[in-house]
Amino acid sequence: GTMVALMIRAGGSKAYGDWAVSHIKTKSGALWSTFILAI
């Protein structure tokens, strides 16, 4: 839980989200990215 809070506060989660928004162009890509990240 602390690791999650650290990554959010450091801006890592936001930066990764911004990168994903700019590189993932389709609905299918968004679903696959969610699935792969969860694995």
All heavy atoms as atom14 arrays in JSON, in Angstrom:
{
  "sequence": "GTMVALMIRAGGSKAYGDWAVSHIKTKSGALWSTFILAI",
  "atom14_mask": [
    [1, 1, 1, 1, 0, 0, 0, 0, 0, 0, 0, 0, 0, 0],
    [1, 1, 1, 1, 1, 1, 1, 0, 0, 0, 0, 0, 0, 0],
    [1, 1, 1, 1, 1, 1, 1, 1, 0, 0, 0, 0, 0, 0],
    [1, 1, 1, 1, 1, 1, 1, 0, 0, 0, 0, 0, 0, 0],
    [1, 1, 1, 1, 1, 0, 0, 0, 0, 0, 0, 0, 0, 0],
    [1, 1, 1, 1, 1, 1, 1, 1, 0, 0, 0, 0, 0, 0],
    [1, 1, 1, 1, 1, 1, 1, 1, 0, 0, 0, 0, 0, 0],
    [1, 1, 1, 1, 1, 1, 1, 1, 0, 0, 0, 0, 0, 0],
    [1, 1, 1, 1, 1, 1, 1, 1, 1, 1, 1, 0, 0, 0],
    [1, 1, 1, 1, 1, 0, 0, 0, 0, 0, 0, 0, 0, 0],
    [1, 1, 1, 1, 0, 0, 0, 0, 0, 0, 0, 0, 0, 0],
    [1, 1, 1, 1, 0, 0, 0, 0, 0, 0, 0, 0, 0, 0],
    [1, 1, 1, 1, 1, 1, 0, 0, 0, 0, 0, 0, 0, 0],
    [1, 1, 1, 1, 1, 1, 1, 1, 1, 0, 0, 0, 0, 0],
    [1, 1, 1, 1, 1, 0, 0, 0, 0, 0, 0, 0, 0, 0],
    [1, 1, 1, 1, 1, 1, 1, 1, 1, 1, 1, 1, 0, 0],
    [1, 1, 1, 1, 0, 0, 0, 0, 0, 0, 0, 0, 0, 0],
    [1, 1, 1, 1, 1, 1, 1, 1, 0, 0, 0, 0, 0, 0],
    [1, 1, 1, 1, 1, 1, 1, 1, 1, 1, 1, 1, 1, 1],
    [1, 1, 1, 1, 1, 0, 0, 0, 0, 0, 0, 0, 0, 0],
    [1, 1, 1, 1, 1, 1, 1, 0, 0, 0, 0, 0, 0, 0],
    [1, 1, 1, 1, 1, 1, 0, 0, 0, 0, 0, 0, 0, 0],
    [1, 1, 1, 1, 1, 1, 1, 1, 1, 1, 0, 0, 0, 0],
    [1, 1, 1, 1, 1, 1, 1, 1, 0, 0, 0, 0, 0, 0],
    [1, 1, 1, 1, 1, 1, 1, 1, 1, 0, 0, 0, 0, 0],
    [1, 1, 1, 1, 1, 1, 1, 0, 0, 0, 0, 0, 0, 0],
    [1, 1, 1, 1, 1, 1, 1, 1, 1, 0, 0, 0, 0, 0],
    [1, 1, 1, 1, 1, 1, 0, 0, 0, 0, 0, 0, 0, 0],
    [1, 1, 1, 1, 0, 0, 0, 0, 0, 0, 0, 0, 0, 0],
    [1, 1, 1, 1, 1, 0, 0, 0, 0, 0, 0, 0, 0, 0],
    [1, 1, 1, 1, 1, 1, 1, 1, 0, 0, 0, 0, 0, 0],
    [1, 1, 1, 1, 1, 1, 1, 1, 1, 1, 1, 1, 1, 1],
    [1, 1, 1, 1, 1, 1, 0, 0, 0, 0, 0, 0, 0, 0],
    [1, 1, 1, 1, 1, 1, 1, 0, 0, 0, 0, 0, 0, 0],
    [1, 1, 1, 1, 1, 1, 1, 1, 1, 1, 1, 0, 0, 0],
    [1, 1, 1, 1, 1, 1, 1, 1, 0, 0, 0, 0, 0, 0],
    [1, 1, 1, 1, 1, 1, 1, 1, 0, 0, 0, 0, 0, 0],
    [1, 1, 1, 1, 1, 0, 0, 0, 0, 0, 0, 0, 0, 0],
    [1, 1, 1, 1, 1, 1, 1, 1, 0, 0, 0, 0, 0, 0]
  ],
  "atom14_positions": [
    [[0.82, -1.21, 0.0], [0.0, 0.0, 0.0], [0.85, 1.25, 0.0], [0.54, 2.24, -0.69], [0.0, 0.0, 0.0], [0.0, 0.0, 0.0], [0.0, 0.0, 0.0], [0.0, 0.0, 0.0], [0.0, 0.0, 0.0], [0.0, 0.0, 0.0], [0.0, 0.0, 0.0], [0.0, 0.0, 0.0], [0.0, 0.0, 0.0], [0.0, 0.0, 0.0]],
    [[1.95, 1.22, 0.75], [2.87, 2.36, 0.79], [3.54, 2.56, -0.56], [3.73, 3.7, -1.01], [3.93, 2.14, 1.88], [3.28, 1.92, 3.14], [4.84, 3.35, 2.0], [0.0, 0.0, 0.0], [0.0, 0.0, 0.0], [0.0, 0.0, 0.0], [0.0, 0.0, 0.0], [0.0, 0.0, 0.0], [0.0, 0.0, 0.0], [0.0, 0.0, 0.0]],
    [[3.89, 1.46, -1.22], [4.5, 1.56, -2.56], [3.55, 2.23, -3.54], [3.96, 3.07, -4.35], [4.87, 0.16, -3.06], [6.0, -0.52, -2.29], [7.65, 0.07, -2.75], [7.84, -0.65, -4.36], [0.0, 0.0, 0.0], [0.0, 0.0, 0.0], [0.0, 0.0, 0.0], [0.0, 0.0, 0.0], [0.0, 0.0, 0.0], [0.0, 0.0, 0.0]],
    [[2.27, 1.86, -3.48], [1.27, 2.49, -4.35], [1.2, 3.98, -4.08], [1.21, 4.82, -5.0], [-0.11, 1.84, -4.15], [-1.18, 2.61, -4.92], [-0.1, 0.39, -4.61], [0.0, 0.0, 0.0], [0.0, 0.0, 0.0], [0.0, 0.0, 0.0], [0.0, 0.0, 0.0], [0.0, 0.0, 0.0], [0.0, 0.0, 0.0], [0.0, 0.0, 0.0]],
    [[1.12, 4.35, -2.79], [1.04, 5.77, -2.43], [2.28, 6.53, -2.9], [2.18, 7.67, -3.38], [0.88, 5.9, -0.91], [0.0, 0.0, 0.0], [0.0, 0.0, 0.0], [0.0, 0.0, 0.0], [0.0, 0.0, 0.0], [0.0, 0.0, 0.0], [0.0, 0.0, 0.0], [0.0, 0.0, 0.0], [0.0, 0.0, 0.0], [0.0, 0.0, 0.0]],
    [[3.45, 5.9, -2.77], [4.7, 6.55, -3.21], [4.7, 6.78, -4.72], [5.08, 7.86, -5.19], [5.89, 5.68, -2.82], [6.29, 5.66, -1.34], [7.31, 4.57, -1.08], [6.84, 7.02, -0.91], [0.0, 0.0, 0.0], [0.0, 0.0, 0.0], [0.0, 0.0, 0.0], [0.0, 0.0, 0.0], [0.0, 0.0, 0.0], [0.0, 0.0, 0.0]],
    [[4.29, 5.79, -5.48], [4.31, 5.92, -6.93], [3.31, 6.96, -7.42], [3.55, 7.67, -8.4], [4.05, 4.55, -7.59], [5.2, 3.58, -7.42], [4.96, 2.01, -8.28], [3.62, 1.28, -7.35], [0.0, 0.0, 0.0], [0.0, 0.0, 0.0], [0.0, 0.0, 0.0], [0.0, 0.0, 0.0], [0.0, 0.0, 0.0], [0.0, 0.0, 0.0]],
    [[2.17, 7.04, -6.73], [1.18, 8.06, -7.1], [1.71, 9.45, -6.75], [1.65, 10.38, -7.57], [-0.17, 7.8, -6.39], [-0.79, 6.5, -6.91], [-1.12, 8.96, -6.6], [-2.06, 6.11, -6.17], [0.0, 0.0, 0.0], [0.0, 0.0, 0.0], [0.0, 0.0, 0.0], [0.0, 0.0, 0.0], [0.0, 0.0, 0.0], [0.0, 0.0, 0.0]],
    [[2.24, 9.6, -5.52], [2.72, 10.91, -5.07], [3.92, 11.38, -5.89], [4.06, 12.59, -6.16], [3.1, 10.82, -3.59], [3.56, 12.14, -2.97], [2.41, 13.1, -2.81], [1.5, 12.68, -1.79], [1.58, 13.0, -0.5], [2.58, 13.76, -0.08], [0.67, 12.57, 0.35], [0.0, 0.0, 0.0], [0.0, 0.0, 0.0], [0.0, 0.0, 0.0]],
    [[4.77, 10.46, -6.31], [5.94, 10.84, -7.11], [5.58, 11.2, -8.54], [6.42, 11.73, -9.28], [6.96, 9.71, -7.12], [0.0, 0.0, 0.0], [0.0, 0.0, 0.0], [0.0, 0.0, 0.0], [0.0, 0.0, 0.0], [0.0, 0.0, 0.0], [0.0, 0.0, 0.0], [0.0, 0.0, 0.0], [0.0, 0.0, 0.0], [0.0, 0.0, 0.0]],
    [[4.34, 10.93, -8.93], [3.9, 11.26, -10.28], [4.11, 10.15, -11.28], [3.83, 10.33, -12.47], [0.0, 0.0, 0.0], [0.0, 0.0, 0.0], [0.0, 0.0, 0.0], [0.0, 0.0, 0.0], [0.0, 0.0, 0.0], [0.0, 0.0, 0.0], [0.0, 0.0, 0.0], [0.0, 0.0, 0.0], [0.0, 0.0, 0.0], [0.0, 0.0, 0.0]],
    [[4.59, 8.99, -10.83], [4.83, 7.89, -11.74], [3.55, 7.34, -12.36], [3.5, 7.08, -13.57], [0.0, 0.0, 0.0], [0.0, 0.0, 0.0], [0.0, 0.0, 0.0], [0.0, 0.0, 0.0], [0.0, 0.0, 0.0], [0.0, 0.0, 0.0], [0.0, 0.0, 0.0], [0.0, 0.0, 0.0], [0.0, 0.0, 0.0], [0.0, 0.0, 0.0]],
    [[2.51, 7.18, -11.56], [1.24, 6.67, -12.08], [0.64, 7.63, -13.09], [0.13, 7.23, -14.14], [0.26, 6.44, -10.92], [0.75, 5.46, -10.03], [0.0, 0.0, 0.0], [0.0, 0.0, 0.0], [0.0, 0.0, 0.0], [0.0, 0.0, 0.0], [0.0, 0.0, 0.0], [0.0, 0.0, 0.0], [0.0, 0.0, 0.0], [0.0, 0.0, 0.0]],
    [[0.69, 8.93, -12.78], [0.14, 9.94, -13.7], [0.95, 9.97, -15.0], [0.38, 10.06, -16.1], [0.19, 11.31, -13.03], [-0.41, 12.45, -13.87], [-1.91, 12.27, -14.03], [-2.59, 13.53, -14.55], [-2.09, 13.96, -15.87], [0.0, 0.0, 0.0], [0.0, 0.0, 0.0], [0.0, 0.0, 0.0], [0.0, 0.0, 0.0], [0.0, 0.0, 0.0]],
    [[2.28, 9.88, -14.9], [3.12, 9.91, -16.09], [2.85, 8.69, -16.97], [2.76, 8.81, -18.2], [4.6, 9.95, -15.68], [0.0, 0.0, 0.0], [0.0, 0.0, 0.0], [0.0, 0.0, 0.0], [0.0, 0.0, 0.0], [0.0, 0.0, 0.0], [0.0, 0.0, 0.0], [0.0, 0.0, 0.0], [0.0, 0.0, 0.0], [0.0, 0.0, 0.0]],
    [[2.72, 7.53, -16.35], [2.44, 6.32, -17.12], [1.06, 6.41, -17.77], [0.89, 6.02, -18.94], [2.52, 5.08, -16.23], [2.36, 3.78, -16.99], [3.47, 3.13, -17.51], [1.1, 3.23, -17.19], [3.33, 1.94, -18.22], [0.95, 2.04, -17.89], [2.07, 1.41, -18.4], [1.92, 0.23, -19.11], [0.0, 0.0, 0.0], [0.0, 0.0, 0.0]],
    [[0.09, 6.94, -17.02], [-1.24, 7.12, -17.59], [-1.24, 8.07, -18.77], [-1.9, 7.8, -19.79], [0.0, 0.0, 0.0], [0.0, 0.0, 0.0], [0.0, 0.0, 0.0], [0.0, 0.0, 0.0], [0.0, 0.0, 0.0], [0.0, 0.0, 0.0], [0.0, 0.0, 0.0], [0.0, 0.0, 0.0], [0.0, 0.0, 0.0], [0.0, 0.0, 0.0]],
    [[-0.5, 9.17, -18.65], [-0.4, 10.13, -19.77], [0.27, 9.48, -20.99], [-0.15, 9.69, -22.13], [0.39, 11.36, -19.34], [-0.38, 12.19, -18.31], [-1.61, 12.02, -18.21], [0.27, 13.0, -17.62], [0.0, 0.0, 0.0], [0.0, 0.0, 0.0], [0.0, 0.0, 0.0], [0.0, 0.0, 0.0], [0.0, 0.0, 0.0], [0.0, 0.0, 0.0]],
    [[1.32, 8.69, -20.72], [2.0, 7.99, -21.82], [1.05, 7.0, -22.5], [1.0, 6.91, -23.73], [3.21, 7.24, -21.27], [3.92, 6.42, -22.31], [4.9, 6.82, -23.14], [3.68, 5.03, -22.61], [5.29, 5.78, -23.95], [4.56, 4.67, -23.65], [2.81, 4.07, -22.11], [4.6, 3.38, -24.19], [2.83, 2.79, -22.64], [3.72, 2.46, -23.67]],
    [[0.28, 6.27, -21.69], [-0.66, 5.29, -22.25], [-1.74, 5.98, -23.08], [-2.13, 5.5, -24.14], [-1.29, 4.47, -21.13], [0.0, 0.0, 0.0], [0.0, 0.0, 0.0], [0.0, 0.0, 0.0], [0.0, 0.0, 0.0], [0.0, 0.0, 0.0], [0.0, 0.0, 0.0], [0.0, 0.0, 0.0], [0.0, 0.0, 0.0], [0.0, 0.0, 0.0]],
    [[-2.23, 7.13, -22.59], [-3.28, 7.86, -23.32], [-2.77, 8.28, -24.7], [-3.5, 8.21, -25.7], [-3.73, 9.1, -22.51], [-4.58, 10.01, -23.38], [-4.52, 8.66, -21.29], [0.0, 0.0, 0.0], [0.0, 0.0, 0.0], [0.0, 0.0, 0.0], [0.0, 0.0, 0.0], [0.0, 0.0, 0.0], [0.0, 0.0, 0.0], [0.0, 0.0, 0.0]],
    [[-1.52, 8.7, -24.77], [-0.97, 9.19, -26.04], [-0.58, 8.07, -26.99], [-0.45, 8.29, -28.21], [0.24, 10.09, -25.77], [1.28, 9.35, -25.15], [0.0, 0.0, 0.0], [0.0, 0.0, 0.0], [0.0, 0.0, 0.0], [0.0, 0.0, 0.0], [0.0, 0.0, 0.0], [0.0, 0.0, 0.0], [0.0, 0.0, 0.0], [0.0, 0.0, 0.0]],
    [[-0.38, 6.86, -26.49], [0.1, 5.77, -27.34], [-0.97, 4.72, -27.64], [-0.8, 3.95, -28.59], [1.31, 5.09, -26.7], [2.57, 5.9, -26.78], [2.82, 6.96, -25.93], [3.65, 5.82, -27.61], [3.99, 7.49, -26.22], [4.52, 6.82, -27.23], [0.0, 0.0, 0.0], [0.0, 0.0, 0.0], [0.0, 0.0, 0.0], [0.0, 0.0, 0.0]],
    [[-2.0, 4.63, -26.81], [-3.05, 3.63, -27.03], [-4.19, 4.29, -27.77], [-4.86, 5.19, -27.24], [-3.52, 3.04, -25.69], [-2.36, 2.34, -24.99], [-4.67, 2.06, -25.91], [-2.68, 1.87, -23.58], [0.0, 0.0, 0.0], [0.0, 0.0, 0.0], [0.0, 0.0, 0.0], [0.0, 0.0, 0.0], [0.0, 0.0, 0.0], [0.0, 0.0, 0.0]],
    [[-4.44, 3.83, -28.99], [-5.37, 4.54, -29.88], [-6.72, 3.84, -30.03], [-7.64, 4.42, -30.61], [-4.75, 4.67, -31.27], [-3.39, 5.4, -31.27], [-3.51, 6.82, -30.76], [-2.18, 7.55, -30.84], [-2.26, 8.93, -30.32], [0.0, 0.0, 0.0], [0.0, 0.0, 0.0], [0.0, 0.0, 0.0], [0.0, 0.0, 0.0], [0.0, 0.0, 0.0]],
    [[-6.88, 2.62, -29.54], [-8.13, 1.89, -29.76], [-8.69, 1.37, -28.44], [-7.96, 1.24, -27.44], [-7.91, 0.68, -30.7], [-7.02, -0.25, -30.06], [-7.31, 1.14, -32.02], [0.0, 0.0, 0.0], [0.0, 0.0, 0.0], [0.0, 0.0, 0.0], [0.0, 0.0, 0.0], [0.0, 0.0, 0.0], [0.0, 0.0, 0.0], [0.0, 0.0, 0.0]],
    [[-9.98, 1.04, -28.44], [-10.62, 0.47, -27.27], [-10.01, -0.9, -26.95], [-9.76, -1.22, -25.78], [-12.12, 0.33, -27.52], [-12.88, -0.33, -26.38], [-14.37, -0.42, -26.68], [-15.11, -1.12, -25.55], [-16.56, -1.22, -25.8], [0.0, 0.0, 0.0], [0.0, 0.0, 0.0], [0.0, 0.0, 0.0], [0.0, 0.0, 0.0], [0.0, 0.0, 0.0]],
    [[-9.76, -1.69, -27.98], [-9.14, -3.0, -27.77], [-7.76, -2.85, -27.14], [-7.4, -3.6, -26.22], [-9.03, -3.73, -29.11], [-8.35, -4.96, -28.94], [0.0, 0.0, 0.0], [0.0, 0.0, 0.0], [0.0, 0.0, 0.0], [0.0, 0.0, 0.0], [0.0, 0.0, 0.0], [0.0, 0.0, 0.0], [0.0, 0.0, 0.0], [0.0, 0.0, 0.0]],
    [[-7.0, -1.87, -27.59], [-5.69, -1.63, -27.01], [-5.76, -1.25, -25.55], [-4.93, -1.66, -24.74], [0.0, 0.0, 0.0], [0.0, 0.0, 0.0], [0.0, 0.0, 0.0], [0.0, 0.0, 0.0], [0.0, 0.0, 0.0], [0.0, 0.0, 0.0], [0.0, 0.0, 0.0], [0.0, 0.0, 0.0], [0.0, 0.0, 0.0], [0.0, 0.0, 0.0]],
    [[-6.78, -0.46, -25.18], [-6.96, -0.07, -23.78], [-7.27, -1.28, -22.91], [-6.75, -1.41, -21.79], [-8.08, 0.97, -23.68], [0.0, 0.0, 0.0], [0.0, 0.0, 0.0], [0.0, 0.0, 0.0], [0.0, 0.0, 0.0], [0.0, 0.0, 0.0], [0.0, 0.0, 0.0], [0.0, 0.0, 0.0], [0.0, 0.0, 0.0], [0.0, 0.0, 0.0]],
    [[-8.12, -2.17, -23.41], [-8.47, -3.37, -22.64], [-7.26, -4.3, -22.52], [-7.0, -4.84, -21.43], [-9.62, -4.1, -23.33], [-10.98, -3.37, -23.31], [-12.0, -4.13, -24.14], [-11.48, -3.19, -21.88], [0.0, 0.0, 0.0], [0.0, 0.0, 0.0], [0.0, 0.0, 0.0], [0.0, 0.0, 0.0], [0.0, 0.0, 0.0], [0.0, 0.0, 0.0]],
    [[-6.52, -4.49, -23.62], [-5.34, -5.35, -23.55], [-4.29, -4.77, -22.61], [-3.63, -5.51, -21.86], [-4.75, -5.54, -24.95], [-5.44, -6.58, -25.77], [-6.11, -6.39, -26.94], [-5.51, -7.98, -25.49], [-6.61, -7.57, -27.4], [-6.25, -8.57, -26.54], [-5.04, -8.78, -24.47], [-6.52, -9.94, -26.58], [-5.3, -10.16, -24.51], [-6.04, -10.71, -25.55]],
    [[-4.11, -3.46, -22.63], [-3.13, -2.82, -21.75], [-3.5, -3.0, -20.28], [-2.64, -3.24, -19.43], [-3.03, -1.33, -22.08], [-2.61, -1.13, -23.41], [0.0, 0.0, 0.0], [0.0, 0.0, 0.0], [0.0, 0.0, 0.0], [0.0, 0.0, 0.0], [0.0, 0.0, 0.0], [0.0, 0.0, 0.0], [0.0, 0.0, 0.0], [0.0, 0.0, 0.0]],
    [[-4.8, -2.88, -19.99], [-5.27, -3.1, -18.62], [-5.0, -4.53, -18.18], [-4.51, -4.79, -17.07], [-6.78, -2.81, -18.52], [-7.03, -1.47, -18.96], [-7.28, -2.98, -17.1], [0.0, 0.0, 0.0], [0.0, 0.0, 0.0], [0.0, 0.0, 0.0], [0.0, 0.0, 0.0], [0.0, 0.0, 0.0], [0.0, 0.0, 0.0], [0.0, 0.0, 0.0]],
    [[-5.29, -5.48, -19.04], [-5.1, -6.9, -18.75], [-3.62, -7.21, -18.53], [-3.25, -7.88, -17.55], [-5.66, -7.73, -19.91], [-5.48, -9.21, -19.75], [-6.12, -9.89, -18.73], [-4.66, -9.91, -20.62], [-5.96, -11.27, -18.58], [-4.49, -11.29, -20.47], [-5.15, -11.96, -19.45], [0.0, 0.0, 0.0], [0.0, 0.0, 0.0], [0.0, 0.0, 0.0]],
    [[-2.76, -6.72, -19.4], [-1.33, -7.01, -19.3], [-0.71, -6.37, -18.05], [0.08, -7.0, -17.34], [-0.59, -6.53, -20.57], [-1.04, -7.36, -21.78], [0.93, -6.61, -20.4], [-0.54, -6.83, -23.11], [0.0, 0.0, 0.0], [0.0, 0.0, 0.0], [0.0, 0.0, 0.0], [0.0, 0.0, 0.0], [0.0, 0.0, 0.0], [0.0, 0.0, 0.0]],
    [[-1.09, -5.13, -17.77], [-0.57, -4.47, -16.57], [-0.99, -5.22, -15.31], [-0.2, -5.37, -14.37], [-1.06, -3.02, -16.51], [-0.56, -2.19, -15.33], [0.96, -2.09, -15.34], [-1.18, -0.8, -15.34], [0.0, 0.0, 0.0], [0.0, 0.0, 0.0], [0.0, 0.0, 0.0], [0.0, 0.0, 0.0], [0.0, 0.0, 0.0], [0.0, 0.0, 0.0]],
    [[-2.24, -5.72, -15.29], [-2.72, -6.47, -14.12], [-1.95, -7.77, -13.95], [-1.75, -8.23, -12.82], [-4.21, -6.74, -14.26], [0.0, 0.0, 0.0], [0.0, 0.0, 0.0], [0.0, 0.0, 0.0], [0.0, 0.0, 0.0], [0.0, 0.0, 0.0], [0.0, 0.0, 0.0], [0.0, 0.0, 0.0], [0.0, 0.0, 0.0], [0.0, 0.0, 0.0]],
    [[-1.52, -8.38, -15.04], [-0.73, -9.61, -14.94], [0.67, -9.29, -14.4], [1.2, -10.0, -13.54], [-0.64, -10.3, -16.32], [-2.0, -10.87, -16.7], [0.42, -11.4, -16.31], [-2.03, -11.53, -18.05], [0.0, 0.0, 0.0], [0.0, 0.0, 0.0], [0.0, 0.0, 0.0], [0.0, 0.0, 0.0], [0.0, 0.0, 0.0], [0.0, 0.0, 0.0]]
  ]
}
